[in-house]
Every structure is written in structure tokens, then in C-alpha cells.
């Protein structure tokens, strides 16, 4: 079962600024409108994408995050729980090494 796919393989930073729930995972978009950066199904893989590409000062979510059960998640709040778990992990990692976002 696939749990991660990086679409932006440029090696450059491309801060995540927008997210959607799809196929039981989180799609993450970068700087340009509609620019798909990565898709992840686990909090660890979301953290990997954030570590690799960065995160914008503000991340917005599509309505699919509120209707996650229609997008492969068990419940409507499961996508936001997954995202929040990943953000908590990422924040702990960043604070542990003293990096700025």
C-alpha cells in the first residue's frame, strides 16, 4: 500500500501552503496555485515533506479536510487529526534543533 509520493522532485524548497484530503491522505501544494508538491498518508511522511520542502507561514485547507470521510478517511475529522499530529511532530523536531520555520 502506497503511503507517500513526492511530486516536486526539484530539490528546491517549495513551502507547503495549501492542503486537501484525498484517497485517505493529505495532498500538499506549494507556492503556485495548484502546484502539487506531495501526498502522504502518515504523519511521518507529512513531516518528511515539510522538512524537505518547508512550510508557509499560513497553511490553508480545502473543504475536503472537513469532509474527509468522502475522501478515503474513516471519519470527517480524521484528516485534520492526521495533519495536526504531523504539525506537532514537525514543531517538536524544529524546536529540538533550534531551526526557524
PDB file of N, CA and C in Angstrom:
ATOM      1  N   UNK A   1       0.841  -1.181   0.000  1.00  0.00           N
ATOM      2  CA  UNK A   1       0.000   0.000   0.000  1.00  0.00           C
ATOM      3  C   UNK A   1       0.890   1.250   0.000  1.00  0.00           C
ATOM      4  N   UNK A   2       0.635   2.151  -0.934  1.00  0.00           N
ATOM      5  CA  UNK A   2       1.405   3.391  -1.050  1.00  0.00           C
ATOM      6  C   UNK A   2       1.023   4.345   0.081  1.00  0.00           C
ATOM      7  N   UNK A   3       2.029   4.931   0.734  1.00  0.00           N
ATOM      8  CA  UNK A   3       1.777   5.896   1.806  1.00  0.00           C
ATOM      9  C   UNK A   3       2.400   7.258   1.531  1.00  0.00           C
ATOM     10  N   UNK A   4       3.164   7.394   0.434  1.00  0.00           N
ATOM     11  CA  UNK A   4       3.819   8.665   0.158  1.00  0.00           C
ATOM     12  C   UNK A   4       4.169   8.773  -1.313  1.00  0.00           C
ATOM     13  N   UNK A   5       4.042   9.993  -1.831  1.00  0.00           N
ATOM     14  CA  UNK A   5       4.511  10.291  -3.177  1.00  0.00           C
ATOM     15  C   UNK A   5       4.935  11.753  -3.234  1.00  0.00           C
ATOM     16  N   UNK A   6       6.188  11.977  -3.622  1.00  0.00           N
ATOM     17  CA  UNK A   6       6.703  13.331  -3.777  1.00  0.00           C
ATOM     18  C   UNK A   6       6.583  13.705  -5.247  1.00  0.00           C
ATOM     19  N   UNK A   7       5.767  14.701  -5.561  1.00  0.00           N
ATOM     20  CA  UNK A   7       5.621  15.134  -6.950  1.00  0.00           C
ATOM     21  C   UNK A   7       6.691  16.146  -7.343  1.00  0.00           C
ATOM     22  N   UNK A   8       7.084  17.009  -6.413  1.00  0.00           N
ATOM     23  CA  UNK A   8       8.114  18.016  -6.683  1.00  0.00           C
ATOM     24  C   UNK A   8       9.468  17.403  -6.325  1.00  0.00           C
ATOM     25  N   UNK A   9      10.183  16.980  -7.344  1.00  0.00           N
ATOM     26  CA  UNK A   9      11.482  16.345  -7.125  1.00  0.00           C
ATOM     27  C   UNK A   9      12.633  17.276  -7.500  1.00  0.00           C
ATOM     28  N   UNK A  10      12.371  18.561  -7.514  1.00  0.00           N
ATOM     29  CA  UNK A  10      13.369  19.537  -7.953  1.00  0.00           C
ATOM     30  C   UNK A  10      14.543  19.679  -6.993  1.00  0.00           C
ATOM     31  N   UNK A  11      14.355  19.306  -5.734  1.00  0.00           N
ATOM     32  CA  UNK A  11      15.406  19.510  -4.739  1.00  0.00           C
ATOM     33  C   UNK A  11      15.379  20.907  -4.130  1.00  0.00           C
ATOM     34  N   UNK A  12      14.496  21.762  -4.632  1.00  0.00           N
ATOM     35  CA  UNK A  12      14.372  23.124  -4.118  1.00  0.00           C
ATOM     36  C   UNK A  12      13.294  23.196  -3.044  1.00  0.00           C
ATOM     37  N   UNK A  13      13.393  24.205  -2.198  1.00  0.00           N
ATOM     38  CA  UNK A  13      12.321  24.462  -1.235  1.00  0.00           C
ATOM     39  C   UNK A  13      11.080  24.890  -2.006  1.00  0.00           C
ATOM     40  N   UNK A  14       9.945  24.486  -1.531  1.00  0.00           N
ATOM     41  CA  UNK A  14       8.665  24.843  -2.125  1.00  0.00           C
ATOM     42  C   UNK A  14       7.643  24.752  -0.990  1.00  0.00           C
ATOM     43  N   UNK A  15       7.625  25.746  -0.108  1.00  0.00           N
ATOM     44  CA  UNK A  15       6.843  25.666   1.135  1.00  0.00           C
ATOM     45  C   UNK A  15       5.381  25.269   0.926  1.00  0.00           C
ATOM     46  N   UNK A  16       4.937  24.338   1.757  1.00  0.00           N
ATOM     47  CA  UNK A  16       3.557  23.874   1.731  1.00  0.00           C
ATOM     48  C   UNK A  16       2.672  25.023   2.208  1.00  0.00           C
ATOM     49  N   UNK A  17       1.670  25.373   1.385  1.00  0.00           N
ATOM     50  CA  UNK A  17       0.788  26.484   1.735  1.00  0.00           C
ATOM     51  C   UNK A  17      -0.692  26.123   1.666  1.00  0.00           C
ATOM     52  N   UNK A  18      -0.998  24.929   1.122  1.00  0.00           N
ATOM     53  CA  UNK A  18      -2.393  24.531   0.961  1.00  0.00           C
ATOM     54  C   UNK A  18      -2.478  23.016   1.040  1.00  0.00           C
ATOM     55  N   UNK A  19      -3.538  22.502   1.683  1.00  0.00           N
ATOM     56  CA  UNK A  19      -3.703  21.059   1.829  1.00  0.00           C
ATOM     57  C   UNK A  19      -5.127  20.629   1.475  1.00  0.00           C
ATOM     58  N   UNK A  20      -5.248  19.391   1.021  1.00  0.00           N
ATOM     59  CA  UNK A  20      -6.529  18.757   0.730  1.00  0.00           C
ATOM     60  C   UNK A  20      -6.481  17.317   1.213  1.00  0.00           C
ATOM     61  N   UNK A  21      -7.633  16.773   1.565  1.00  0.00           N
ATOM     62  CA  UNK A  21      -7.751  15.351   1.881  1.00  0.00           C
ATOM     63  C   UNK A  21      -8.141  14.617   0.606  1.00  0.00           C
ATOM     64  N   UNK A  22      -7.422  13.548   0.293  1.00  0.00           N
ATOM     65  CA  UNK A  22      -7.763  12.738  -0.883  1.00  0.00           C
ATOM     66  C   UNK A  22      -7.183  11.337  -0.722  1.00  0.00           C
ATOM     67  N   UNK A  23      -7.964  10.357  -1.081  1.00  0.00           N
ATOM     68  CA  UNK A  23      -7.533   8.958  -1.055  1.00  0.00           C
ATOM     69  C   UNK A  23      -6.936   8.542   0.293  1.00  0.00           C
ATOM     70  N   UNK A  24      -7.505   9.035   1.376  1.00  0.00           N
ATOM     71  CA  UNK A  24      -7.039   8.658   2.709  1.00  0.00           C
ATOM     72  C   UNK A  24      -5.725   9.292   3.113  1.00  0.00           C
ATOM     73  N   UNK A  25      -5.297  10.308   2.384  1.00  0.00           N
ATOM     74  CA  UNK A  25      -4.048  11.006   2.688  1.00  0.00           C
ATOM     75  C   UNK A  25      -4.211  12.507   2.510  1.00  0.00           C
ATOM     76  N   UNK A  26      -3.113  13.216   2.698  1.00  0.00           N
ATOM     77  CA  UNK A  26      -3.105  14.671   2.588  1.00  0.00           C
ATOM     78  C   UNK A  26      -2.294  15.072   1.359  1.00  0.00           C
ATOM     79  N   UNK A  27      -2.932  15.815   0.450  1.00  0.00           N
ATOM     80  CA  UNK A  27      -2.228  16.423  -0.669  1.00  0.00           C
ATOM     81  C   UNK A  27      -1.709  17.766  -0.198  1.00  0.00           C
ATOM     82  N   UNK A  28      -0.452  18.051  -0.519  1.00  0.00           N
ATOM     83  CA  UNK A  28       0.185  19.310  -0.106  1.00  0.00           C
ATOM     84  C   UNK A  28       0.614  20.081  -1.336  1.00  0.00           C
ATOM     85  N   UNK A  29       0.262  21.351  -1.362  1.00  0.00           N
ATOM     86  CA  UNK A  29       0.537  22.220  -2.503  1.00  0.00           C
ATOM     87  C   UNK A  29       1.541  23.297  -2.115  1.00  0.00           C
ATOM     88  N   UNK A  30       2.327  23.727  -3.102  1.00  0.00           N
ATOM     89  CA  UNK A  30       3.377  24.708  -2.884  1.00  0.00           C
ATOM     90  C   UNK A  30       2.982  26.124  -3.259  1.00  0.00           C
ATOM     91  N   UNK A  31       3.980  26.872  -3.717  1.00  0.00           N
ATOM     92  CA  UNK A  31       3.826  28.304  -3.972  1.00  0.00           C
ATOM     93  C   UNK A  31       2.816  28.658  -5.044  1.00  0.00           C
ATOM     94  N   UNK A  32       2.863  27.986  -6.161  1.00  0.00           N
ATOM     95  CA  UNK A  32       1.958  28.313  -7.266  1.00  0.00           C
ATOM     96  C   UNK A  32       0.605  27.634  -7.054  1.00  0.00           C
ATOM     97  N   UNK A  33      -0.452  28.308  -7.436  1.00  0.00           N
ATOM     98  CA  UNK A  33      -1.800  27.742  -7.315  1.00  0.00           C
ATOM     99  C   UNK A  33      -1.861  26.418  -8.068  1.00  0.00           C
ATOM    100  N   UNK A  34      -2.323  25.389  -7.377  1.00  0.00           N
ATOM    101  CA  UNK A  34      -2.460  24.074  -7.990  1.00  0.00           C
ATOM    102  C   UNK A  34      -1.173  23.286  -8.124  1.00  0.00           C
ATOM    103  N   UNK A  35      -0.068  23.794  -7.590  1.00  0.00           N
ATOM    104  CA  UNK A  35       1.230  23.129  -7.701  1.00  0.00           C
ATOM    105  C   UNK A  35       1.350  22.022  -6.650  1.00  0.00           C
ATOM    106  N   UNK A  36       1.082  20.800  -7.054  1.00  0.00           N
ATOM    107  CA  UNK A  36       1.121  19.667  -6.147  1.00  0.00           C
ATOM    108  C   UNK A  36       2.564  19.323  -5.804  1.00  0.00           C
ATOM    109  N   UNK A  37       2.849  19.282  -4.513  1.00  0.00           N
ATOM    110  CA  UNK A  37       4.198  19.004  -4.035  1.00  0.00           C
ATOM    111  C   UNK A  37       4.318  17.556  -3.566  1.00  0.00           C
ATOM    112  N   UNK A  38       3.367  17.108  -2.756  1.00  0.00           N
ATOM    113  CA  UNK A  38       3.461  15.751  -2.199  1.00  0.00           C
ATOM    114  C   UNK A  38       2.089  15.280  -1.735  1.00  0.00           C
ATOM    115  N   UNK A  39       1.980  13.973  -1.568  1.00  0.00           N
ATOM    116  CA  UNK A  39       0.804  13.334  -0.981  1.00  0.00           C
ATOM    117  C   UNK A  39       1.324  12.352   0.049  1.00  0.00           C
ATOM    118  N   UNK A  40       0.726  12.358   1.233  1.00  0.00           N
ATOM    119  CA  UNK A  40       1.177  11.458   2.296  1.00  0.00           C
ATOM    120  C   UNK A  40      -0.005  10.927   3.082  1.00  0.00           C
ATOM    121  N   UNK A  41       0.154   9.696   3.543  1.00  0.00           N
ATOM    122  CA  UNK A  41      -0.908   9.021   4.269  1.00  0.00           C
ATOM    123  C   UNK A  41      -0.567   8.820   5.743  1.00  0.00           C
ATOM    124  N   UNK A  42       0.677   9.141   6.139  1.00  0.00           N
ATOM    125  CA  UNK A  42       1.092   9.006   7.532  1.00  0.00           C
ATOM    126  C   UNK A  42       1.673  10.327   8.018  1.00  0.00           C
ATOM    127  N   UNK A  43       1.604  10.532   9.309  1.00  0.00           N
ATOM    128  CA  UNK A  43       2.157  11.767   9.877  1.00  0.00           C
ATOM    129  C   UNK A  43       3.665  11.848   9.643  1.00  0.00           C
ATOM    130  N   UNK A  44       4.356  10.716   9.691  1.00  0.00           N
ATOM    131  CA  UNK A  44       5.808  10.706   9.463  1.00  0.00           C
ATOM    132  C   UNK A  44       6.154  11.169   8.056  1.00  0.00           C
ATOM    133  N   UNK A  45       5.355  10.775   7.092  1.00  0.00           N
ATOM    134  CA  UNK A  45       5.623  11.177   5.711  1.00  0.00           C
ATOM    135  C   UNK A  45       5.245  12.632   5.462  1.00  0.00           C
ATOM    136  N   UNK A  46       4.226  13.117   6.156  1.00  0.00           N
ATOM    137  CA  UNK A  46       3.900  14.545   6.074  1.00  0.00           C
ATOM    138  C   UNK A  46       5.061  15.353   6.631  1.00  0.00           C
ATOM    139  N   UNK A  47       5.602  14.922   7.762  1.00  0.00           N
ATOM    140  CA  UNK A  47       6.759  15.601   8.357  1.00  0.00           C
ATOM    141  C   UNK A  47       7.933  15.588   7.384  1.00  0.00           C
ATOM    142  N   UNK A  48       8.156  14.472   6.714  1.00  0.00           N
ATOM    143  CA  UNK A  48       9.233  14.398   5.731  1.00  0.00           C
ATOM    144  C   UNK A  48       9.042  15.454   4.639  1.00  0.00           C
ATOM    145  N   UNK A  49       7.823  15.579   4.137  1.00  0.00           N
ATOM    146  CA  UNK A  49       7.543  16.577   3.103  1.00  0.00           C
ATOM    147  C   UNK A  49       7.783  17.990   3.632  1.00  0.00           C
ATOM    148  N   UNK A  50       7.347  18.255   4.857  1.00  0.00           N
ATOM    149  CA  UNK A  50       7.548  19.578   5.456  1.00  0.00           C
ATOM    150  C   UNK A  50       9.034  19.860   5.656  1.00  0.00           C
ATOM    151  N   UNK A  51       9.767  18.869   6.114  1.00  0.00           N
ATOM    152  CA  UNK A  51      11.201  19.027   6.335  1.00  0.00           C
ATOM    153  C   UNK A  51      11.918  19.266   5.008  1.00  0.00           C
ATOM    154  N   UNK A  52      11.500  18.561   3.975  1.00  0.00           N
ATOM    155  CA  UNK A  52      12.153  18.640   2.671  1.00  0.00           C
ATOM    156  C   UNK A  52      11.802  19.920   1.922  1.00  0.00           C
ATOM    157  N   UNK A  53      10.520  20.298   1.934  1.00  0.00           N
ATOM    158  CA  UNK A  53      10.055  21.420   1.124  1.00  0.00           C
ATOM    159  C   UNK A  53       9.810  22.695   1.914  1.00  0.00           C
ATOM    160  N   UNK A  54       9.580  22.582   3.230  1.00  0.00           N
ATOM    161  CA  UNK A  54       9.287  23.750   4.049  1.00  0.00           C
ATOM    162  C   UNK A  54       7.788  23.934   4.225  1.00  0.00           C
ATOM    163  N   UNK A  55       7.448  24.910   5.031  1.00  0.00           N
ATOM    164  CA  UNK A  55       6.046  25.207   5.314  1.00  0.00           C
ATOM    165  C   UNK A  55       5.867  26.722   5.318  1.00  0.00           C
ATOM    166  N   UNK A  56       4.799  27.183   4.697  1.00  0.00           N
ATOM    167  CA  UNK A  56       4.499  28.614   4.644  1.00  0.00           C
ATOM    168  C   UNK A  56       4.073  29.103   6.029  1.00  0.00           C
ATOM    169  N   UNK A  57       4.089  30.403   6.221  1.00  0.00           N
ATOM    170  CA  UNK A  57       3.640  30.984   7.490  1.00  0.00           C
ATOM    171  C   UNK A  57       2.184  30.673   7.772  1.00  0.00           C
ATOM    172  N   UNK A  58       1.410  30.511   6.717  1.00  0.00           N
ATOM    173  CA  UNK A  58      -0.009  30.181   6.852  1.00  0.00           C
ATOM    174  C   UNK A  58      -0.344  29.061   5.873  1.00  0.00           C
ATOM    175  N   UNK A  59      -0.982  28.004   6.379  1.00  0.00           N
ATOM    176  CA  UNK A  59      -1.408  26.892   5.541  1.00  0.00           C
ATOM    177  C   UNK A  59      -2.930  26.845   5.563  1.00  0.00           C
ATOM    178  N   UNK A  60      -3.512  26.871   4.389  1.00  0.00           N
ATOM    179  CA  UNK A  60      -4.974  26.802   4.281  1.00  0.00           C
ATOM    180  C   UNK A  60      -5.372  25.401   3.842  1.00  0.00           C
ATOM    181  N   UNK A  61      -6.580  25.023   4.212  1.00  0.00           N
ATOM    182  CA  UNK A  61      -7.090  23.710   3.846  1.00  0.00           C
ATOM    183  C   UNK A  61      -8.350  23.811   3.019  1.00  0.00           C
ATOM    184  N   UNK A  62      -8.500  22.904   2.082  1.00  0.00           N
ATOM    185  CA  UNK A  62      -9.700  22.836   1.270  1.00  0.00           C
ATOM    186  C   UNK A  62     -10.846  22.216   2.046  1.00  0.00           C
ATOM    187  N   UNK A  63     -12.045  22.317   1.502  1.00  0.00           N
ATOM    188  CA  UNK A  63     -13.228  21.782   2.171  1.00  0.00           C
ATOM    189  C   UNK A  63     -13.155  20.266   2.322  1.00  0.00           C
ATOM    190  N   UNK A  64     -12.326  19.626   1.520  1.00  0.00           N
ATOM    191  CA  UNK A  64     -12.174  18.175   1.649  1.00  0.00           C
ATOM    192  C   UNK A  64     -11.631  17.788   3.019  1.00  0.00           C
ATOM    193  N   UNK A  65     -10.951  18.703   3.672  1.00  0.00           N
ATOM    194  CA  UNK A  65     -10.450  18.431   5.025  1.00  0.00           C
ATOM    195  C   UNK A  65     -11.610  18.303   6.006  1.00  0.00           C
ATOM    196  N   UNK A  66     -12.710  19.002   5.738  1.00  0.00           N
ATOM    197  CA  UNK A  66     -13.900  18.933   6.598  1.00  0.00           C
ATOM    198  C   UNK A  66     -14.791  17.747   6.254  1.00  0.00           C
ATOM    199  N   UNK A  67     -14.648  17.232   5.051  1.00  0.00           N
ATOM    200  CA  UNK A  67     -15.467  16.108   4.590  1.00  0.00           C
ATOM    201  C   UNK A  67     -14.568  14.918   4.258  1.00  0.00           C
ATOM    202  N   UNK A  68     -13.654  14.634   5.170  1.00  0.00           N
ATOM    203  CA  UNK A  68     -12.627  13.621   4.932  1.00  0.00           C
ATOM    204  C   UNK A  68     -13.199  12.230   4.699  1.00  0.00           C
ATOM    205  N   UNK A  69     -14.347  11.934   5.288  1.00  0.00           N
ATOM    206  CA  UNK A  69     -14.929  10.598   5.093  1.00  0.00           C
ATOM    207  C   UNK A  69     -15.335  10.370   3.635  1.00  0.00           C
ATOM    208  N   UNK A  70     -15.516  11.436   2.889  1.00  0.00           N
ATOM    209  CA  UNK A  70     -15.820  11.329   1.460  1.00  0.00           C
ATOM    210  C   UNK A  70     -14.550  11.210   0.621  1.00  0.00           C
ATOM    211  N   UNK A  71     -13.414  11.279   1.298  1.00  0.00           N
ATOM    212  CA  UNK A  71     -12.121  11.290   0.613  1.00  0.00           C
ATOM    213  C   UNK A  71     -11.165  10.231   1.157  1.00  0.00           C
ATOM    214  N   UNK A  72     -11.735   9.104   1.570  1.00  0.00           N
ATOM    215  CA  UNK A  72     -10.912   7.969   1.953  1.00  0.00           C
ATOM    216  C   UNK A  72     -10.541   7.854   3.420  1.00  0.00           C
ATOM    217  N   UNK A  73     -11.028   8.754   4.249  1.00  0.00           N
ATOM    218  CA  UNK A  73     -10.761   8.686   5.684  1.00  0.00           C
ATOM    219  C   UNK A  73     -11.945   8.044   6.390  1.00  0.00           C
ATOM    220  N   UNK A  74     -11.675   7.502   7.569  1.00  0.00           N
ATOM    221  CA  UNK A  74     -12.726   6.820   8.320  1.00  0.00           C
ATOM    222  C   UNK A  74     -13.795   7.781   8.841  1.00  0.00           C
ATOM    223  N   UNK A  75     -13.368   8.962   9.276  1.00  0.00           N
ATOM    224  CA  UNK A  75     -14.293   9.961   9.820  1.00  0.00           C
ATOM    225  C   UNK A  75     -13.999  11.324   9.199  1.00  0.00           C
ATOM    226  N   UNK A  76     -14.923  12.254   9.359  1.00  0.00           N
ATOM    227  CA  UNK A  76     -14.721  13.597   8.813  1.00  0.00           C
ATOM    228  C   UNK A  76     -13.581  14.354   9.483  1.00  0.00           C
ATOM    229  N   UNK A  77     -13.296  14.057  10.746  1.00  0.00           N
ATOM    230  CA  UNK A  77     -12.220  14.790  11.428  1.00  0.00           C
ATOM    231  C   UNK A  77     -10.868  14.087  11.341  1.00  0.00           C
ATOM    232  N   UNK A  78     -10.795  12.940  10.675  1.00  0.00           N
ATOM    233  CA  UNK A  78      -9.552  12.164  10.628  1.00  0.00           C
ATOM    234  C   UNK A  78      -8.435  12.867   9.855  1.00  0.00           C
ATOM    235  N   UNK A  79      -8.748  13.593   8.791  1.00  0.00           N
ATOM    236  CA  UNK A  79      -7.714  14.273   8.003  1.00  0.00           C
ATOM    237  C   UNK A  79      -7.077  15.401   8.807  1.00  0.00           C
ATOM    238  N   UNK A  80      -7.889  16.201   9.476  1.00  0.00           N
ATOM    239  CA  UNK A  80      -7.324  17.300  10.270  1.00  0.00           C
ATOM    240  C   UNK A  80      -6.546  16.762  11.461  1.00  0.00           C
ATOM    241  N   UNK A  81      -6.992  15.633  12.027  1.00  0.00           N
ATOM    242  CA  UNK A  81      -6.227  14.998  13.117  1.00  0.00           C
ATOM    243  C   UNK A  81      -4.860  14.533  12.615  1.00  0.00           C
ATOM    244  N   UNK A  82      -4.830  13.933  11.426  1.00  0.00           N
ATOM    245  CA  UNK A  82      -3.569  13.495  10.834  1.00  0.00           C
ATOM    246  C   UNK A  82      -2.647  14.690  10.605  1.00  0.00           C
ATOM    247  N   UNK A  83      -3.179  15.757  10.026  1.00  0.00           N
ATOM    248  CA  UNK A  83      -2.381  16.965   9.769  1.00  0.00           C
ATOM    249  C   UNK A  83      -1.863  17.557  11.082  1.00  0.00           C
ATOM    250  N   UNK A  84      -2.724  17.678  12.087  1.00  0.00           N
ATOM    251  CA  UNK A  84      -2.312  18.258  13.373  1.00  0.00           C
ATOM    252  C   UNK A  84      -1.256  17.407  14.059  1.00  0.00           C
ATOM    253  N   UNK A  85      -1.380  16.093  13.962  1.00  0.00           N
ATOM    254  CA  UNK A  85      -0.370  15.200  14.536  1.00  0.00           C
ATOM    255  C   UNK A  85       0.982  15.430  13.860  1.00  0.00           C
ATOM    256  N   UNK A  86       0.961  15.560  12.542  1.00  0.00           N
ATOM    257  CA  UNK A  86       2.195  15.809  11.799  1.00  0.00           C
ATOM    258  C   UNK A  86       2.790  17.171  12.163  1.00  0.00           C
ATOM    259  N   UNK A  87       1.949  18.188  12.283  1.00  0.00           N
ATOM    260  CA  UNK A  87       2.437  19.525  12.651  1.00  0.00           C
ATOM    261  C   UNK A  87       3.065  19.502  14.041  1.00  0.00           C
ATOM    262  N   UNK A  88       2.443  18.801  14.977  1.00  0.00           N
ATOM    263  CA  UNK A  88       3.021  18.678  16.329  1.00  0.00           C
ATOM    264  C   UNK A  88       4.392  18.008  16.265  1.00  0.00           C
ATOM    265  N   UNK A  89       4.504  16.946  15.487  1.00  0.00           N
ATOM    266  CA  UNK A  89       5.792  16.252  15.335  1.00  0.00           C
ATOM    267  C   UNK A  89       6.828  17.174  14.698  1.00  0.00           C
ATOM    268  N   UNK A  90       6.428  17.892  13.664  1.00  0.00           N
ATOM    269  CA  UNK A  90       7.332  18.801  12.962  1.00  0.00           C
ATOM    270  C   UNK A  90       7.794  19.924  13.891  1.00  0.00           C
ATOM    271  N   UNK A  91       6.861  20.507  14.648  1.00  0.00           N
ATOM    272  CA  UNK A  91       7.218  21.577  15.590  1.00  0.00           C
ATOM    273  C   UNK A  91       8.223  21.089  16.630  1.00  0.00           C
ATOM    274  N   UNK A  92       8.019  19.894  17.163  1.00  0.00           N
ATOM    275  CA  UNK A  92       8.954  19.335  18.137  1.00  0.00           C
ATOM    276  C   UNK A  92      10.327  19.137  17.523  1.00  0.00           C
ATOM    277  N   UNK A  93      10.353  18.665  16.289  1.00  0.00           N
ATOM    278  CA  UNK A  93      11.633  18.464  15.602  1.00  0.00           C
ATOM    279  C   UNK A  93      12.346  19.788  15.369  1.00  0.00           C
ATOM    280  N   UNK A  94      11.615  20.775  14.885  1.00  0.00           N
ATOM    281  CA  UNK A  94      12.207  22.081  14.603  1.00  0.00           C
ATOM    282  C   UNK A  94      12.700  22.736  15.889  1.00  0.00           C
ATOM    283  N   UNK A  95      11.903  22.683  16.937  1.00  0.00           N
ATOM    284  CA  UNK A  95      12.299  23.289  18.214  1.00  0.00           C
ATOM    285  C   UNK A  95      13.463  22.547  18.860  1.00  0.00           C
ATOM    286  N   UNK A  96      13.553  21.240  18.647  1.00  0.00           N
ATOM    287  CA  UNK A  96      14.628  20.448  19.248  1.00  0.00           C
ATOM    288  C   UNK A  96      15.994  20.830  18.694  1.00  0.00           C
ATOM    289  N   UNK A  97      16.023  21.218  17.418  1.00  0.00           N
ATOM    290  CA  UNK A  97      17.299  21.580  16.801  1.00  0.00           C
ATOM    291  C   UNK A  97      17.474  23.091  16.670  1.00  0.00           C
ATOM    292  N   UNK A  98      16.491  23.849  17.108  1.00  0.00           N
ATOM    293  CA  UNK A  98      16.598  25.306  17.120  1.00  0.00           C
ATOM    294  C   UNK A  98      16.490  25.951  15.751  1.00  0.00           C
ATOM    295  N   UNK A  99      15.779  25.333  14.832  1.00  0.00           N
ATOM    296  CA  UNK A  99      15.610  25.910  13.492  1.00  0.00           C
ATOM    297  C   UNK A  99      14.389  26.792  13.457  1.00  0.00           C
ATOM    298  N   UNK A 100      14.426  27.777  12.602  1.00  0.00           N
ATOM    299  CA  UNK A 100      13.235  28.593  12.332  1.00  0.00           C
ATOM    300  C   UNK A 100      12.497  27.977  11.175  1.00  0.00           C
ATOM    301  N   UNK A 101      11.173  28.108  11.178  1.00  0.00           N
ATOM    302  CA  UNK A 101      10.381  27.582  10.066  1.00  0.00           C
ATOM    303  C   UNK A 101      10.557  28.433   8.848  1.00  0.00           C
TER     304      UNK A 101
END
